């Protein structure tokens, strides 16, 4: 859901700024955050009971207090994340797309095994929120790096003008994605590489941000 809130125009009626509220929430994310929060509240309740029944000179007291404090902080962070995901504001301002990509400082993601190249040929100015769009692009670049893994490979980022739009391509020589998984990669909590550190929300975030910029995101991939 996108709510366009305000246009700022100059005397020539050229749009200078658009503010958009981007709703990131859906039933899956609500169920997930609610479930996690319930588990954390249960842990918090148990540690509070332990703290009431342990003496402060007991070695277990300090451990229980640490668990209590960490759980409290995690619940607060989860609440902040939920609020952020519910509605974030995208401030779309005119920026040169090639300069924007250059300013992402992609060299810090380059390694001896992974080469990152850019072919920036659009010479176009677009309305964008550079912070949000930058995060979306970095998510996709990190996914490309993970797809290459420990192998030697390359990532190529290119821009070109296509009618009234700018096409940005992020290509990698990674392992590719199975055709049956391709239609699900933008679904929240879907991941082809699930782990305790990967919850499958990065591409969902990127997808929403691209849509908030009146754009679209497409995937072309082959295994191996």
N, C-alpha and C. Protein backbone atom coordinates (compact mmCIF):
# COMPACT_ATOMS: atom_id res chain seq x y z
N UNK A 1 0.86 -1.18 0.00
CA UNK A 1 0.00 0.00 0.00
C UNK A 1 0.89 1.22 0.00
N UNK A 2 0.61 2.17 -0.86
CA UNK A 2 1.40 3.39 -0.94
C UNK A 2 0.47 4.58 -0.86
N UNK A 3 0.78 5.52 0.02
CA UNK A 3 -0.01 6.73 0.16
C UNK A 3 0.88 7.90 -0.22
N UNK A 4 0.55 8.53 -1.33
CA UNK A 4 1.35 9.67 -1.77
C UNK A 4 0.86 10.89 -1.00
N UNK A 5 1.74 11.52 -0.24
CA UNK A 5 1.31 12.53 0.70
C UNK A 5 1.47 13.96 0.21
N UNK A 6 2.53 14.26 -0.55
CA UNK A 6 2.76 15.66 -0.86
C UNK A 6 3.62 15.80 -2.09
N UNK A 7 3.27 16.78 -2.92
CA UNK A 7 4.12 17.20 -4.01
C UNK A 7 4.69 18.58 -3.67
N UNK A 8 5.94 18.79 -4.00
CA UNK A 8 6.53 20.12 -3.93
C UNK A 8 6.93 20.51 -5.34
N UNK A 9 6.41 21.63 -5.84
CA UNK A 9 6.66 22.00 -7.23
C UNK A 9 7.28 23.39 -7.28
N UNK A 10 7.98 23.67 -8.39
CA UNK A 10 8.50 25.01 -8.58
C UNK A 10 7.59 25.78 -9.51
N UNK A 11 8.00 26.95 -9.93
CA UNK A 11 7.13 27.79 -10.75
C UNK A 11 6.86 27.18 -12.12
N UNK A 12 7.76 26.32 -12.56
CA UNK A 12 7.55 25.67 -13.86
C UNK A 12 6.75 24.38 -13.72
N UNK A 13 6.23 24.14 -12.51
CA UNK A 13 5.42 22.95 -12.24
C UNK A 13 6.19 21.65 -12.46
N UNK A 14 7.50 21.72 -12.26
CA UNK A 14 8.31 20.49 -12.30
C UNK A 14 8.39 19.92 -10.89
N UNK A 15 8.14 18.64 -10.77
CA UNK A 15 8.12 18.03 -9.47
C UNK A 15 9.53 17.99 -8.87
N UNK A 16 9.66 18.48 -7.65
CA UNK A 16 10.95 18.47 -6.98
C UNK A 16 11.00 17.44 -5.87
N UNK A 17 9.87 17.16 -5.26
CA UNK A 17 9.90 16.22 -4.15
C UNK A 17 8.54 15.54 -4.00
N UNK A 18 8.58 14.25 -3.73
CA UNK A 18 7.36 13.48 -3.44
C UNK A 18 7.60 12.71 -2.16
N UNK A 19 6.68 12.80 -1.23
CA UNK A 19 6.77 12.00 -0.02
C UNK A 19 5.75 10.88 -0.11
N UNK A 20 6.21 9.66 0.12
CA UNK A 20 5.30 8.52 0.04
C UNK A 20 5.43 7.69 1.30
N UNK A 21 4.30 7.27 1.83
CA UNK A 21 4.29 6.32 2.93
C UNK A 21 4.23 4.93 2.34
N UNK A 22 5.18 4.10 2.72
CA UNK A 22 5.29 2.75 2.16
C UNK A 22 4.88 1.75 3.23
N UNK A 23 3.81 1.06 3.00
CA UNK A 23 3.38 0.04 3.96
C UNK A 23 4.11 -1.26 3.68
N UNK A 24 4.90 -1.72 4.64
CA UNK A 24 5.67 -2.95 4.48
C UNK A 24 4.96 -4.13 5.13
N UNK A 25 3.90 -3.85 5.86
CA UNK A 25 3.29 -4.90 6.67
C UNK A 25 2.36 -5.78 5.82
N UNK A 26 2.27 -7.04 6.18
CA UNK A 26 1.28 -7.93 5.61
C UNK A 26 0.95 -8.98 6.66
N UNK A 27 0.03 -9.87 6.36
CA UNK A 27 -0.41 -10.84 7.36
C UNK A 27 0.72 -11.74 7.82
N UNK A 28 1.63 -12.11 6.90
CA UNK A 28 2.73 -13.00 7.27
C UNK A 28 3.66 -12.35 8.29
N UNK A 29 4.02 -11.07 8.04
CA UNK A 29 4.92 -10.40 8.96
C UNK A 29 4.26 -10.16 10.31
N UNK A 30 2.97 -9.87 10.31
CA UNK A 30 2.25 -9.66 11.58
C UNK A 30 2.22 -10.95 12.39
N UNK A 31 1.92 -12.06 11.74
CA UNK A 31 1.88 -13.35 12.43
C UNK A 31 3.25 -13.71 12.98
N UNK A 32 4.28 -13.48 12.17
CA UNK A 32 5.65 -13.80 12.58
C UNK A 32 6.07 -12.99 13.80
N UNK A 33 5.92 -11.66 13.72
CA UNK A 33 6.36 -10.81 14.83
C UNK A 33 5.53 -11.09 16.08
N UNK A 34 4.24 -11.37 15.91
CA UNK A 34 3.40 -11.68 17.06
C UNK A 34 3.86 -12.97 17.73
N UNK A 35 4.19 -13.99 16.91
CA UNK A 35 4.64 -15.27 17.45
C UNK A 35 5.96 -15.13 18.19
N UNK A 36 6.92 -14.42 17.59
CA UNK A 36 8.22 -14.22 18.23
C UNK A 36 8.05 -13.44 19.53
N UNK A 37 7.24 -12.41 19.50
CA UNK A 37 7.04 -11.58 20.69
C UNK A 37 6.43 -12.40 21.82
N UNK A 38 5.49 -13.29 21.50
CA UNK A 38 4.89 -14.15 22.53
C UNK A 38 5.93 -15.03 23.20
N UNK A 39 6.86 -15.57 22.40
CA UNK A 39 7.92 -16.41 22.97
C UNK A 39 8.85 -15.59 23.85
N UNK A 40 9.17 -14.38 23.43
CA UNK A 40 10.04 -13.52 24.22
C UNK A 40 9.39 -13.10 25.53
N UNK A 41 8.10 -12.82 25.47
CA UNK A 41 7.37 -12.45 26.70
C UNK A 41 7.37 -13.62 27.68
N UNK A 42 7.24 -14.84 27.17
CA UNK A 42 7.29 -16.03 28.03
C UNK A 42 8.66 -16.15 28.70
N UNK A 43 9.73 -15.92 27.93
CA UNK A 43 11.08 -15.96 28.50
C UNK A 43 11.25 -14.88 29.56
N UNK A 44 10.72 -13.71 29.27
CA UNK A 44 10.82 -12.59 30.22
C UNK A 44 10.10 -12.90 31.52
N UNK A 45 8.93 -13.52 31.40
CA UNK A 45 8.15 -13.89 32.60
C UNK A 45 8.91 -14.91 33.44
N UNK A 46 9.52 -15.90 32.77
CA UNK A 46 10.26 -16.93 33.50
C UNK A 46 11.49 -16.35 34.20
N UNK A 47 12.19 -15.45 33.54
CA UNK A 47 13.39 -14.87 34.17
C UNK A 47 13.01 -13.96 35.33
N UNK A 48 11.88 -13.27 35.22
CA UNK A 48 11.43 -12.43 36.35
C UNK A 48 11.11 -13.30 37.56
N UNK A 49 10.53 -14.49 37.32
CA UNK A 49 10.26 -15.42 38.41
C UNK A 49 11.56 -15.93 39.03
N UNK A 50 12.55 -16.21 38.18
CA UNK A 50 13.86 -16.64 38.69
C UNK A 50 14.50 -15.55 39.54
N UNK A 51 14.44 -14.33 39.09
CA UNK A 51 15.06 -13.22 39.82
C UNK A 51 14.40 -13.01 41.18
N UNK A 52 13.11 -13.27 41.25
CA UNK A 52 12.40 -13.12 42.52
C UNK A 52 12.81 -14.20 43.52
N UNK A 53 13.23 -15.36 43.00
CA UNK A 53 13.50 -16.50 43.88
C UNK A 53 15.00 -16.79 44.07
N UNK A 54 15.84 -16.03 43.41
CA UNK A 54 17.28 -16.21 43.58
C UNK A 54 17.85 -15.07 44.42
N UNK A 55 18.80 -15.41 45.23
CA UNK A 55 19.50 -14.37 45.98
C UNK A 55 20.55 -13.74 45.08
N UNK A 56 20.85 -12.47 45.34
CA UNK A 56 21.77 -11.74 44.47
C UNK A 56 23.20 -12.28 44.53
N UNK A 57 23.52 -13.01 45.59
CA UNK A 57 24.87 -13.57 45.67
C UNK A 57 24.97 -14.94 44.98
N UNK A 58 23.85 -15.41 44.45
CA UNK A 58 23.85 -16.66 43.69
C UNK A 58 24.42 -16.40 42.30
N UNK A 59 25.32 -17.27 41.83
CA UNK A 59 25.94 -17.08 40.52
C UNK A 59 24.91 -17.05 39.38
N UNK A 60 23.80 -17.75 39.59
CA UNK A 60 22.77 -17.80 38.55
C UNK A 60 22.00 -16.49 38.44
N UNK A 61 22.06 -15.66 39.48
CA UNK A 61 21.30 -14.41 39.48
C UNK A 61 21.78 -13.48 38.35
N UNK A 62 23.10 -13.33 38.24
CA UNK A 62 23.66 -12.46 37.21
C UNK A 62 23.30 -12.96 35.81
N UNK A 63 23.30 -14.29 35.62
CA UNK A 63 22.93 -14.85 34.33
C UNK A 63 21.46 -14.59 34.03
N UNK A 64 20.59 -14.78 35.02
CA UNK A 64 19.16 -14.53 34.84
C UNK A 64 18.91 -13.05 34.54
N UNK A 65 19.64 -12.17 35.21
CA UNK A 65 19.49 -10.73 34.96
C UNK A 65 19.91 -10.37 33.54
N UNK A 66 20.99 -11.00 33.08
CA UNK A 66 21.46 -10.76 31.72
C UNK A 66 20.42 -11.21 30.69
N UNK A 67 19.84 -12.40 30.93
CA UNK A 67 18.79 -12.91 30.03
C UNK A 67 17.59 -11.97 30.03
N UNK A 68 17.23 -11.49 31.22
CA UNK A 68 16.09 -10.58 31.37
C UNK A 68 16.33 -9.29 30.59
N UNK A 69 17.53 -8.71 30.75
CA UNK A 69 17.84 -7.44 30.08
C UNK A 69 17.90 -7.60 28.57
N UNK A 70 18.52 -8.70 28.11
CA UNK A 70 18.62 -8.95 26.67
C UNK A 70 17.25 -9.17 26.05
N UNK A 71 16.39 -9.91 26.75
CA UNK A 71 15.05 -10.17 26.24
C UNK A 71 14.24 -8.88 26.18
N UNK A 72 14.36 -8.04 27.20
CA UNK A 72 13.66 -6.75 27.21
C UNK A 72 14.10 -5.90 26.02
N UNK A 73 15.41 -5.85 25.78
CA UNK A 73 15.93 -5.08 24.65
C UNK A 73 15.45 -5.64 23.32
N UNK A 74 15.40 -6.98 23.22
CA UNK A 74 14.96 -7.61 21.98
C UNK A 74 13.50 -7.30 21.69
N UNK A 75 12.66 -7.31 22.72
CA UNK A 75 11.25 -6.96 22.54
C UNK A 75 11.13 -5.51 22.06
N UNK A 76 11.93 -4.62 22.64
CA UNK A 76 11.91 -3.22 22.22
C UNK A 76 12.34 -3.08 20.77
N UNK A 77 13.40 -3.82 20.39
CA UNK A 77 13.87 -3.78 18.99
C UNK A 77 12.81 -4.34 18.05
N UNK A 78 12.13 -5.39 18.48
CA UNK A 78 11.08 -6.00 17.66
C UNK A 78 9.93 -5.01 17.45
N UNK A 79 9.58 -4.28 18.50
CA UNK A 79 8.53 -3.26 18.39
C UNK A 79 8.94 -2.16 17.42
N UNK A 80 10.23 -1.76 17.52
CA UNK A 80 10.74 -0.73 16.60
C UNK A 80 10.71 -1.22 15.16
N UNK A 81 11.11 -2.50 14.96
CA UNK A 81 11.12 -3.08 13.63
C UNK A 81 9.71 -3.15 13.06
N UNK A 82 8.76 -3.57 13.90
CA UNK A 82 7.37 -3.66 13.45
C UNK A 82 6.85 -2.29 13.03
N UNK A 83 7.16 -1.27 13.84
CA UNK A 83 6.72 0.08 13.50
C UNK A 83 7.35 0.54 12.19
N UNK A 84 8.65 0.23 12.02
CA UNK A 84 9.35 0.60 10.80
C UNK A 84 8.74 -0.11 9.60
N UNK A 85 8.45 -1.41 9.75
CA UNK A 85 7.92 -2.18 8.64
C UNK A 85 6.48 -1.80 8.31
N UNK A 86 5.74 -1.36 9.34
CA UNK A 86 4.35 -0.97 9.09
C UNK A 86 4.28 0.20 8.12
N UNK A 87 5.02 1.25 8.41
CA UNK A 87 5.00 2.42 7.54
C UNK A 87 6.34 3.13 7.59
N UNK A 88 6.99 3.21 6.48
CA UNK A 88 8.19 4.03 6.38
C UNK A 88 7.94 5.08 5.30
N UNK A 89 8.61 6.19 5.43
CA UNK A 89 8.37 7.31 4.53
C UNK A 89 9.50 7.41 3.53
N UNK A 90 9.14 7.40 2.27
CA UNK A 90 10.12 7.56 1.19
C UNK A 90 10.05 8.98 0.65
N UNK A 91 11.15 9.69 0.74
CA UNK A 91 11.22 11.06 0.24
C UNK A 91 11.93 11.04 -1.10
N UNK A 92 11.16 11.23 -2.16
CA UNK A 92 11.69 11.11 -3.52
C UNK A 92 12.17 12.47 -4.02
N UNK A 93 13.47 12.57 -4.24
CA UNK A 93 14.09 13.80 -4.70
C UNK A 93 14.87 13.55 -5.99
N UNK A 94 15.03 14.56 -6.83
CA UNK A 94 15.79 14.36 -8.08
C UNK A 94 17.26 14.05 -7.81
N UNK A 95 17.74 12.96 -8.36
CA UNK A 95 19.14 12.57 -8.23
C UNK A 95 19.59 11.89 -9.52
N UNK A 96 20.85 12.07 -9.86
CA UNK A 96 21.42 11.43 -11.04
C UNK A 96 21.68 9.97 -10.70
N UNK A 97 21.07 9.04 -11.44
CA UNK A 97 21.13 7.62 -11.10
C UNK A 97 22.56 7.09 -11.14
N UNK A 98 23.36 7.52 -12.12
CA UNK A 98 24.73 7.01 -12.21
C UNK A 98 25.58 7.50 -11.04
N UNK A 99 25.39 8.77 -10.66
CA UNK A 99 26.11 9.30 -9.49
C UNK A 99 25.69 8.56 -8.23
N UNK A 100 24.40 8.26 -8.13
CA UNK A 100 23.88 7.54 -6.96
C UNK A 100 24.55 6.18 -6.83
N UNK A 101 24.65 5.43 -7.92
CA UNK A 101 25.27 4.10 -7.86
C UNK A 101 26.77 4.23 -7.55
N UNK A 102 27.40 5.22 -8.14
CA UNK A 102 28.82 5.45 -7.86
C UNK A 102 29.05 5.73 -6.38
N UNK A 103 28.12 6.45 -5.75
CA UNK A 103 28.26 6.82 -4.34
C UNK A 103 27.96 5.67 -3.37
N UNK A 104 27.52 4.53 -3.90
CA UNK A 104 27.30 3.37 -3.03
C UNK A 104 28.61 2.77 -2.53
N UNK A 105 29.73 3.21 -3.14
CA UNK A 105 31.06 2.74 -2.72
C UNK A 105 31.13 1.20 -2.75
N UNK A 106 30.87 0.66 -3.92
CA UNK A 106 30.79 -0.79 -4.08
C UNK A 106 32.14 -1.48 -3.91
N UNK A 107 33.22 -0.71 -3.99
CA UNK A 107 34.55 -1.33 -3.88
C UNK A 107 34.76 -2.05 -2.56
N UNK A 108 34.03 -1.62 -1.51
CA UNK A 108 34.22 -2.27 -0.21
C UNK A 108 33.65 -3.68 -0.19
N UNK A 109 32.83 -4.02 -1.19
CA UNK A 109 32.27 -5.38 -1.28
C UNK A 109 33.12 -6.26 -2.21
N UNK A 110 34.12 -5.65 -2.83
CA UNK A 110 34.97 -6.41 -3.75
C UNK A 110 36.04 -7.16 -2.97
N UNK A 111 36.31 -8.39 -3.39
CA UNK A 111 37.32 -9.21 -2.74
C UNK A 111 38.26 -9.78 -3.80
N UNK A 112 39.23 -10.56 -3.35
CA UNK A 112 40.12 -11.21 -4.30
C UNK A 112 39.37 -12.20 -5.18
N UNK A 113 38.25 -12.73 -4.65
CA UNK A 113 37.49 -13.73 -5.38
C UNK A 113 36.33 -13.13 -6.18
N UNK A 114 35.87 -11.93 -5.79
CA UNK A 114 34.70 -11.34 -6.44
C UNK A 114 35.06 -9.96 -7.00
N UNK A 115 34.88 -9.82 -8.30
CA UNK A 115 35.13 -8.54 -8.96
C UNK A 115 33.80 -7.85 -9.24
N UNK A 116 33.71 -6.55 -8.92
CA UNK A 116 32.49 -5.78 -9.16
C UNK A 116 32.78 -4.72 -10.21
N UNK A 117 32.02 -4.76 -11.30
CA UNK A 117 32.18 -3.81 -12.39
C UNK A 117 30.92 -2.98 -12.55
N UNK A 118 31.06 -1.76 -13.03
CA UNK A 118 29.91 -0.91 -13.33
C UNK A 118 30.01 -0.41 -14.75
N UNK A 119 28.85 -0.36 -15.43
CA UNK A 119 28.73 0.21 -16.77
C UNK A 119 27.54 1.18 -16.71
N UNK A 120 27.82 2.42 -16.39
CA UNK A 120 26.78 3.41 -16.10
C UNK A 120 26.62 4.34 -17.29
N UNK A 121 25.51 4.15 -18.02
CA UNK A 121 25.32 4.87 -19.28
C UNK A 121 23.97 5.57 -19.39
N UNK A 122 23.28 5.81 -18.28
CA UNK A 122 21.93 6.36 -18.41
C UNK A 122 21.93 7.89 -18.53
N UNK A 123 22.84 8.57 -17.78
CA UNK A 123 22.88 10.04 -17.78
C UNK A 123 21.51 10.64 -17.45
N UNK A 124 20.74 9.95 -16.60
CA UNK A 124 19.38 10.40 -16.29
C UNK A 124 19.24 10.83 -14.84
N UNK A 125 18.33 11.76 -14.62
CA UNK A 125 17.96 12.18 -13.27
C UNK A 125 16.62 11.55 -12.92
N UNK A 126 16.55 10.92 -11.76
CA UNK A 126 15.33 10.22 -11.34
C UNK A 126 14.90 10.73 -9.97
N UNK A 127 13.61 10.59 -9.69
CA UNK A 127 13.11 10.85 -8.35
C UNK A 127 13.41 9.63 -7.49
N UNK A 128 14.15 9.81 -6.40
CA UNK A 128 14.51 8.67 -5.57
C UNK A 128 14.78 9.09 -4.14
N UNK A 129 14.56 8.15 -3.24
CA UNK A 129 15.02 8.27 -1.86
C UNK A 129 16.34 7.53 -1.82
N UNK A 130 17.45 8.26 -1.79
CA UNK A 130 18.75 7.63 -1.94
C UNK A 130 19.08 6.69 -0.79
N UNK A 131 18.58 6.98 0.42
CA UNK A 131 18.86 6.10 1.56
C UNK A 131 18.16 4.76 1.39
N UNK A 132 16.85 4.81 1.12
CA UNK A 132 16.09 3.56 0.98
C UNK A 132 16.51 2.78 -0.26
N UNK A 133 16.67 3.48 -1.37
CA UNK A 133 17.04 2.79 -2.60
C UNK A 133 18.44 2.22 -2.47
N UNK A 134 19.32 2.93 -1.78
CA UNK A 134 20.66 2.41 -1.54
C UNK A 134 20.63 1.12 -0.75
N UNK A 135 19.78 1.08 0.29
CA UNK A 135 19.65 -0.15 1.08
C UNK A 135 19.12 -1.29 0.23
N UNK A 136 18.15 -0.99 -0.63
CA UNK A 136 17.57 -2.02 -1.50
C UNK A 136 18.62 -2.59 -2.45
N UNK A 137 19.44 -1.72 -3.03
CA UNK A 137 20.48 -2.17 -3.95
C UNK A 137 21.54 -2.99 -3.23
N UNK A 138 21.92 -2.55 -2.02
CA UNK A 138 22.94 -3.27 -1.27
C UNK A 138 22.43 -4.67 -0.90
N UNK A 139 21.16 -4.80 -0.56
CA UNK A 139 20.57 -6.12 -0.30
C UNK A 139 20.76 -7.03 -1.50
N UNK A 140 20.47 -6.51 -2.69
CA UNK A 140 20.59 -7.33 -3.90
C UNK A 140 22.05 -7.67 -4.22
N UNK A 141 22.95 -6.73 -3.96
CA UNK A 141 24.37 -6.98 -4.19
C UNK A 141 24.89 -8.03 -3.21
N UNK A 142 24.46 -7.95 -1.95
CA UNK A 142 24.87 -8.95 -0.97
C UNK A 142 24.32 -10.33 -1.32
N UNK A 143 23.10 -10.36 -1.87
CA UNK A 143 22.55 -11.65 -2.33
C UNK A 143 23.40 -12.21 -3.46
N UNK A 144 23.86 -11.34 -4.35
CA UNK A 144 24.72 -11.79 -5.44
C UNK A 144 26.03 -12.35 -4.91
N UNK A 145 26.59 -11.68 -3.90
CA UNK A 145 27.83 -12.15 -3.29
C UNK A 145 27.63 -13.52 -2.65
N UNK A 146 26.50 -13.70 -1.95
CA UNK A 146 26.20 -14.99 -1.32
C UNK A 146 26.00 -16.07 -2.36
N UNK A 147 25.42 -15.70 -3.52
CA UNK A 147 25.19 -16.69 -4.58
C UNK A 147 26.51 -17.17 -5.17
N UNK A 148 27.50 -16.28 -5.24
CA UNK A 148 28.82 -16.67 -5.75
C UNK A 148 29.54 -17.54 -4.72
N UNK A 149 29.32 -17.22 -3.44
CA UNK A 149 29.90 -18.03 -2.37
C UNK A 149 31.41 -17.93 -2.33
N UNK A 150 32.07 -19.05 -2.17
CA UNK A 150 33.53 -19.08 -2.08
C UNK A 150 34.20 -19.24 -3.45
N UNK A 151 33.38 -19.25 -4.49
CA UNK A 151 33.94 -19.39 -5.83
C UNK A 151 34.45 -18.05 -6.35
N UNK A 152 35.23 -18.10 -7.39
CA UNK A 152 35.65 -16.88 -8.06
C UNK A 152 34.53 -16.44 -9.00
N UNK A 153 34.17 -15.16 -8.95
CA UNK A 153 33.06 -14.70 -9.78
C UNK A 153 33.05 -13.20 -9.94
N UNK A 154 32.00 -12.71 -10.57
CA UNK A 154 31.91 -11.28 -10.82
C UNK A 154 30.47 -10.80 -10.68
N UNK A 155 30.33 -9.51 -10.38
CA UNK A 155 29.04 -8.83 -10.31
C UNK A 155 29.13 -7.61 -11.22
N UNK A 156 28.16 -7.46 -12.11
CA UNK A 156 28.16 -6.33 -13.03
C UNK A 156 26.89 -5.51 -12.83
N UNK A 157 27.06 -4.22 -12.64
CA UNK A 157 25.93 -3.31 -12.46
C UNK A 157 25.93 -2.33 -13.61
N UNK A 158 24.82 -2.28 -14.33
CA UNK A 158 24.74 -1.42 -15.51
C UNK A 158 23.46 -0.60 -15.50
N UNK A 159 23.50 0.55 -16.16
CA UNK A 159 22.31 1.39 -16.29
C UNK A 159 22.15 1.79 -17.75
N UNK A 160 20.90 1.96 -18.16
CA UNK A 160 20.62 2.49 -19.49
C UNK A 160 19.20 3.04 -19.53
N UNK A 161 18.98 3.96 -20.43
CA UNK A 161 17.67 4.57 -20.60
C UNK A 161 16.77 3.64 -21.41
N UNK A 162 15.56 3.38 -20.90
CA UNK A 162 14.56 2.59 -21.63
C UNK A 162 13.26 3.37 -21.62
N UNK A 163 12.97 4.03 -22.74
CA UNK A 163 11.80 4.92 -22.83
C UNK A 163 11.89 5.98 -21.73
N UNK A 164 10.87 6.07 -20.87
CA UNK A 164 10.87 7.07 -19.81
C UNK A 164 11.46 6.54 -18.50
N UNK A 165 11.97 5.33 -18.54
CA UNK A 165 12.51 4.71 -17.33
C UNK A 165 14.02 4.52 -17.47
N UNK A 166 14.65 4.27 -16.34
CA UNK A 166 16.05 3.86 -16.31
C UNK A 166 16.10 2.41 -15.88
N UNK A 167 16.79 1.58 -16.65
CA UNK A 167 16.95 0.17 -16.31
C UNK A 167 18.29 -0.01 -15.59
N UNK A 168 18.22 -0.60 -14.40
CA UNK A 168 19.42 -0.93 -13.65
C UNK A 168 19.50 -2.45 -13.58
N UNK A 169 20.59 -3.00 -14.07
CA UNK A 169 20.78 -4.45 -14.05
C UNK A 169 21.89 -4.81 -13.07
N UNK A 170 21.61 -5.78 -12.22
CA UNK A 170 22.62 -6.32 -11.31
C UNK A 170 22.78 -7.79 -11.69
N UNK A 171 23.89 -8.11 -12.32
CA UNK A 171 24.13 -9.47 -12.83
C UNK A 171 25.28 -10.11 -12.06
N UNK A 172 25.15 -11.39 -11.76
CA UNK A 172 26.23 -12.10 -11.08
C UNK A 172 26.45 -13.46 -11.72
N UNK A 173 27.59 -14.04 -11.42
CA UNK A 173 27.95 -15.36 -11.96
C UNK A 173 27.77 -16.44 -10.90
N UNK A 174 26.79 -16.22 -10.02
CA UNK A 174 26.54 -17.16 -8.92
C UNK A 174 25.84 -18.43 -9.35
N UNK A 175 25.34 -19.15 -8.36
CA UNK A 175 24.79 -20.49 -8.59
C UNK A 175 23.43 -20.47 -9.27
N UNK A 176 22.75 -19.33 -9.29
CA UNK A 176 21.43 -19.26 -9.91
C UNK A 176 20.33 -19.74 -8.98
N UNK A 177 19.09 -19.55 -9.42
CA UNK A 177 17.92 -19.92 -8.61
C UNK A 177 17.05 -20.87 -9.41
N UNK A 178 16.63 -21.93 -8.78
CA UNK A 178 15.75 -22.91 -9.41
C UNK A 178 14.46 -22.24 -9.88
N UNK A 179 13.97 -22.65 -11.04
CA UNK A 179 12.79 -22.02 -11.63
C UNK A 179 11.59 -22.09 -10.68
N UNK A 180 11.46 -23.18 -9.93
CA UNK A 180 10.31 -23.33 -9.03
C UNK A 180 10.36 -22.35 -7.86
N UNK A 181 11.54 -21.81 -7.57
CA UNK A 181 11.69 -20.87 -6.46
C UNK A 181 11.62 -19.41 -6.90
N UNK A 182 11.74 -19.17 -8.19
CA UNK A 182 11.88 -17.79 -8.65
C UNK A 182 10.66 -16.93 -8.35
N UNK A 183 9.47 -17.51 -8.45
CA UNK A 183 8.27 -16.70 -8.21
C UNK A 183 8.05 -16.42 -6.73
N UNK A 184 8.85 -17.05 -5.86
CA UNK A 184 8.65 -16.87 -4.42
C UNK A 184 9.73 -16.02 -3.75
N UNK A 185 10.74 -15.58 -4.51
CA UNK A 185 11.88 -14.95 -3.85
C UNK A 185 11.55 -13.61 -3.20
N UNK A 186 10.44 -12.97 -3.62
CA UNK A 186 10.06 -11.70 -3.00
C UNK A 186 9.04 -11.90 -1.89
N UNK A 187 8.66 -13.15 -1.62
CA UNK A 187 7.74 -13.43 -0.52
C UNK A 187 8.46 -13.27 0.81
N UNK A 188 7.79 -12.66 1.81
CA UNK A 188 8.45 -12.52 3.11
C UNK A 188 8.76 -13.87 3.74
N UNK A 189 9.96 -13.99 4.30
CA UNK A 189 10.45 -15.15 5.03
C UNK A 189 10.76 -16.35 4.13
N UNK A 190 10.76 -16.13 2.80
CA UNK A 190 11.20 -17.20 1.91
C UNK A 190 12.68 -17.01 1.62
N UNK A 191 13.44 -18.08 1.72
CA UNK A 191 14.86 -18.02 1.40
C UNK A 191 15.32 -19.37 0.88
N UNK A 192 16.21 -19.34 -0.11
CA UNK A 192 16.81 -20.57 -0.59
C UNK A 192 18.03 -20.96 0.25
N UNK A 193 18.39 -20.10 1.18
CA UNK A 193 19.54 -20.35 2.06
C UNK A 193 19.17 -20.02 3.51
N UNK A 194 18.12 -20.67 4.05
CA UNK A 194 17.69 -20.36 5.41
C UNK A 194 18.77 -20.68 6.44
N UNK A 195 18.89 -19.80 7.42
CA UNK A 195 19.82 -20.01 8.52
C UNK A 195 19.37 -19.14 9.68
N UNK A 196 20.06 -19.23 10.79
CA UNK A 196 19.71 -18.42 11.95
C UNK A 196 19.96 -16.93 11.67
N UNK A 197 20.77 -16.63 10.64
CA UNK A 197 21.08 -15.25 10.32
C UNK A 197 20.32 -14.74 9.09
N UNK A 198 19.63 -15.62 8.40
CA UNK A 198 18.95 -15.23 7.17
C UNK A 198 17.47 -15.59 7.28
N UNK A 199 16.64 -14.56 7.41
CA UNK A 199 15.20 -14.79 7.61
C UNK A 199 14.39 -14.58 6.35
N UNK A 200 15.03 -14.25 5.24
CA UNK A 200 14.29 -14.11 3.99
C UNK A 200 13.41 -12.88 3.91
N UNK A 201 13.88 -11.73 4.42
CA UNK A 201 13.09 -10.50 4.34
C UNK A 201 13.78 -9.42 3.49
N UNK A 202 15.05 -9.63 3.14
CA UNK A 202 15.80 -8.61 2.41
C UNK A 202 15.21 -8.28 1.06
N UNK A 203 14.90 -9.31 0.26
CA UNK A 203 14.36 -9.07 -1.08
C UNK A 203 12.93 -8.56 -1.02
N UNK A 204 12.19 -8.93 0.02
CA UNK A 204 10.84 -8.37 0.21
C UNK A 204 10.94 -6.87 0.41
N UNK A 205 11.89 -6.46 1.26
CA UNK A 205 12.14 -5.04 1.50
C UNK A 205 12.53 -4.34 0.20
N UNK A 206 13.46 -4.92 -0.54
CA UNK A 206 13.92 -4.31 -1.79
C UNK A 206 12.76 -4.16 -2.78
N UNK A 207 11.93 -5.18 -2.86
CA UNK A 207 10.79 -5.16 -3.78
C UNK A 207 9.86 -4.00 -3.45
N UNK A 208 9.53 -3.83 -2.18
CA UNK A 208 8.64 -2.76 -1.76
C UNK A 208 9.23 -1.39 -2.08
N UNK A 209 10.53 -1.24 -1.84
CA UNK A 209 11.17 0.04 -2.09
C UNK A 209 11.18 0.38 -3.57
N UNK A 210 11.45 -0.61 -4.42
CA UNK A 210 11.42 -0.38 -5.87
C UNK A 210 10.02 0.04 -6.31
N UNK A 211 8.99 -0.63 -5.79
CA UNK A 211 7.61 -0.27 -6.14
C UNK A 211 7.28 1.14 -5.67
N UNK A 212 7.81 1.54 -4.52
CA UNK A 212 7.56 2.89 -4.01
C UNK A 212 8.17 3.96 -4.91
N UNK A 213 9.14 3.56 -5.73
CA UNK A 213 9.75 4.48 -6.69
C UNK A 213 9.08 4.39 -8.06
N UNK A 214 7.86 3.86 -8.10
CA UNK A 214 7.11 3.69 -9.35
C UNK A 214 7.87 2.79 -10.33
N UNK A 215 8.68 1.90 -9.81
CA UNK A 215 9.44 1.00 -10.66
C UNK A 215 8.95 -0.43 -10.55
N UNK A 216 9.69 -1.33 -11.16
CA UNK A 216 9.39 -2.76 -11.03
C UNK A 216 10.72 -3.51 -10.99
N UNK A 217 10.66 -4.68 -10.42
CA UNK A 217 11.86 -5.49 -10.29
C UNK A 217 11.58 -6.86 -10.90
N UNK A 218 12.51 -7.33 -11.71
CA UNK A 218 12.33 -8.60 -12.42
C UNK A 218 13.57 -9.47 -12.22
N UNK A 219 13.37 -10.75 -12.34
CA UNK A 219 14.45 -11.72 -12.15
C UNK A 219 14.62 -12.57 -13.40
N UNK A 220 15.86 -12.75 -13.80
CA UNK A 220 16.22 -13.73 -14.82
C UNK A 220 17.34 -14.59 -14.23
N UNK A 221 17.15 -15.89 -14.18
CA UNK A 221 18.16 -16.73 -13.54
C UNK A 221 18.13 -18.14 -14.11
N UNK A 222 19.29 -18.76 -14.15
CA UNK A 222 19.44 -20.15 -14.51
C UNK A 222 20.35 -20.83 -13.51
N UNK A 223 20.02 -22.04 -13.15
CA UNK A 223 20.88 -22.80 -12.24
C UNK A 223 22.24 -23.05 -12.89
N UNK A 224 23.27 -22.87 -12.07
CA UNK A 224 24.65 -23.12 -12.52
C UNK A 224 25.00 -22.28 -13.74
